[in-house]
Amino acid sequence: MSSSAIATEPPDSASFPAVAAVSLAPFVLYCVAHLAVDLYSGSLGVLQPLLLAKFHLSLTQAGLLGGMLSLSSSVSQPLYGLLSDRYPSRLFTVLAPAVAGIFISGLGLASGFPMLLAMVFLGGAGMASFHPHAAANATSGIKHARGRAMAIFISSGTVGLALGPAVFSAICGRWGLTAGAFAALFGIFITALLFIFLKPTPASAGLVRARFEWAPLRAVARPLTILYLLVFLRSVVQIVFTQFLPLYLKTQRGFSLTGASYSLSLFLIAGALGGVAGGHLADRFGGKRVIVISMLGAAPLLALFLFTSGWLSTVALFICGLVLLFTVPVNVVMAQRLAPGQMGTVSALMMGFSWGMAGVIFIPLIGWIADHSSLQFAFTALVAFPLIGFVLALRLKIPATA
């Protein structure tokens, strides 16, 4: 694979340790930053019950907040992908944790629903700027087991998603919703760390690309479209759980806010482990097999969680998160191999745009359905999505040259 966004291979084996060290340091920084950015992304779900109580929101309005976050943090990612492919500045990554942290952590200080929407939009914009640039550059210089490296990078974000509910539940549960603003300090610290230590890579220093090219994407339009739809279907389940699982457990099963938040963290931690496992399995057995197994296995596990209780339901939730999110790094790496010259753009499509469209459509829809029936009914409908994904994955054909 060759791309101007990827560092060249070391000229000889003697230089490998030095190159590995140079590649590892920024990789770790990108992973830490990913954890920080997604920590704030994952916090809105646990803040929903508190925001509903303070601002007297309906479930539809709560869904609109989640949809706004998806719109600004994810649907807009292809725009940032185009910009980062053309102007690969480290600022796309460096500023993101502080911007996301300041606006999301400060939601309790809003004056009303319009200000909540504006703050969610601005916080999401910080998240959107991070993902395409970071996904295209995090594994630069890593040539072997790249699927595993991408899995670690993406799973660091999933760990952030998992920590978000626990962190904000601990802060806001003890000191109140407005105290969540103190959580912004972490994002500001990470931005300072990146500003000091994340240096421009040789691929991005002083480079401006002449123009964006559609031809490489048109050449692989069919497999790229199927990959996108598979990510979309998986993201519907993942994002609905991220936004509504604490509310579902609190209102439908009588969980405390802390217990519901920990359940969401359990689901997302399982997803982080699943992402690492999925990257490893894809390197050994191929990405398509991992996707097929993930989609086929997630549906019955999701049903088991919804229609059982107690320890069995909790175990099913954990394993469902593990299996469902097998495919997170797999889809990104497969898409990058299909279009190596447009890595920022295809990374945005796989990581952000698909997730964002799922959120924009289904978070308000789930809120509306729940207002008119119940969250139990709305969640039950999600079982169909992995089954559709399984049928679609069987039709996926990746060119041998990718």
Foldseek 3Di string as FASTA:
>chain_A
DDALLADDEDPDPVCVVVLVVVLVVLLVLLLLLLLLLLLLVLQLQLCLVVCCVPQVDALLLLLVLLLLLQVQQFQCLLVLLQVCLFQVDCCLRLCLNLQLLQLSLQLVVDPHSVSSSVSSNRSSNSNSSHQLSSLSRSRHNPDPLVLLSLLSSVLSNLLSSLVNLQVQCVQCVVPHSNSSNVRSVVSVVSSVVCVPPVDDDPSNVPGGDDHDDCVLCVVCVVLLVLLLLLLLLLLLLVSLCSNCQLVCCCPVVVDDSNRSSNLSSLLSNLLSQLSSVLSVVCSPPNLLVLQLQLLVPLLVLLVQLLPDDDPSNSVSSSVSSNSSNSNLSSSLVLQCQSPVHSSSNSSSSNPGSSSSVSSNPNSSVCSVVCVVPRNSVSSNVSSVSSVVSNVSSVVNDRDPND
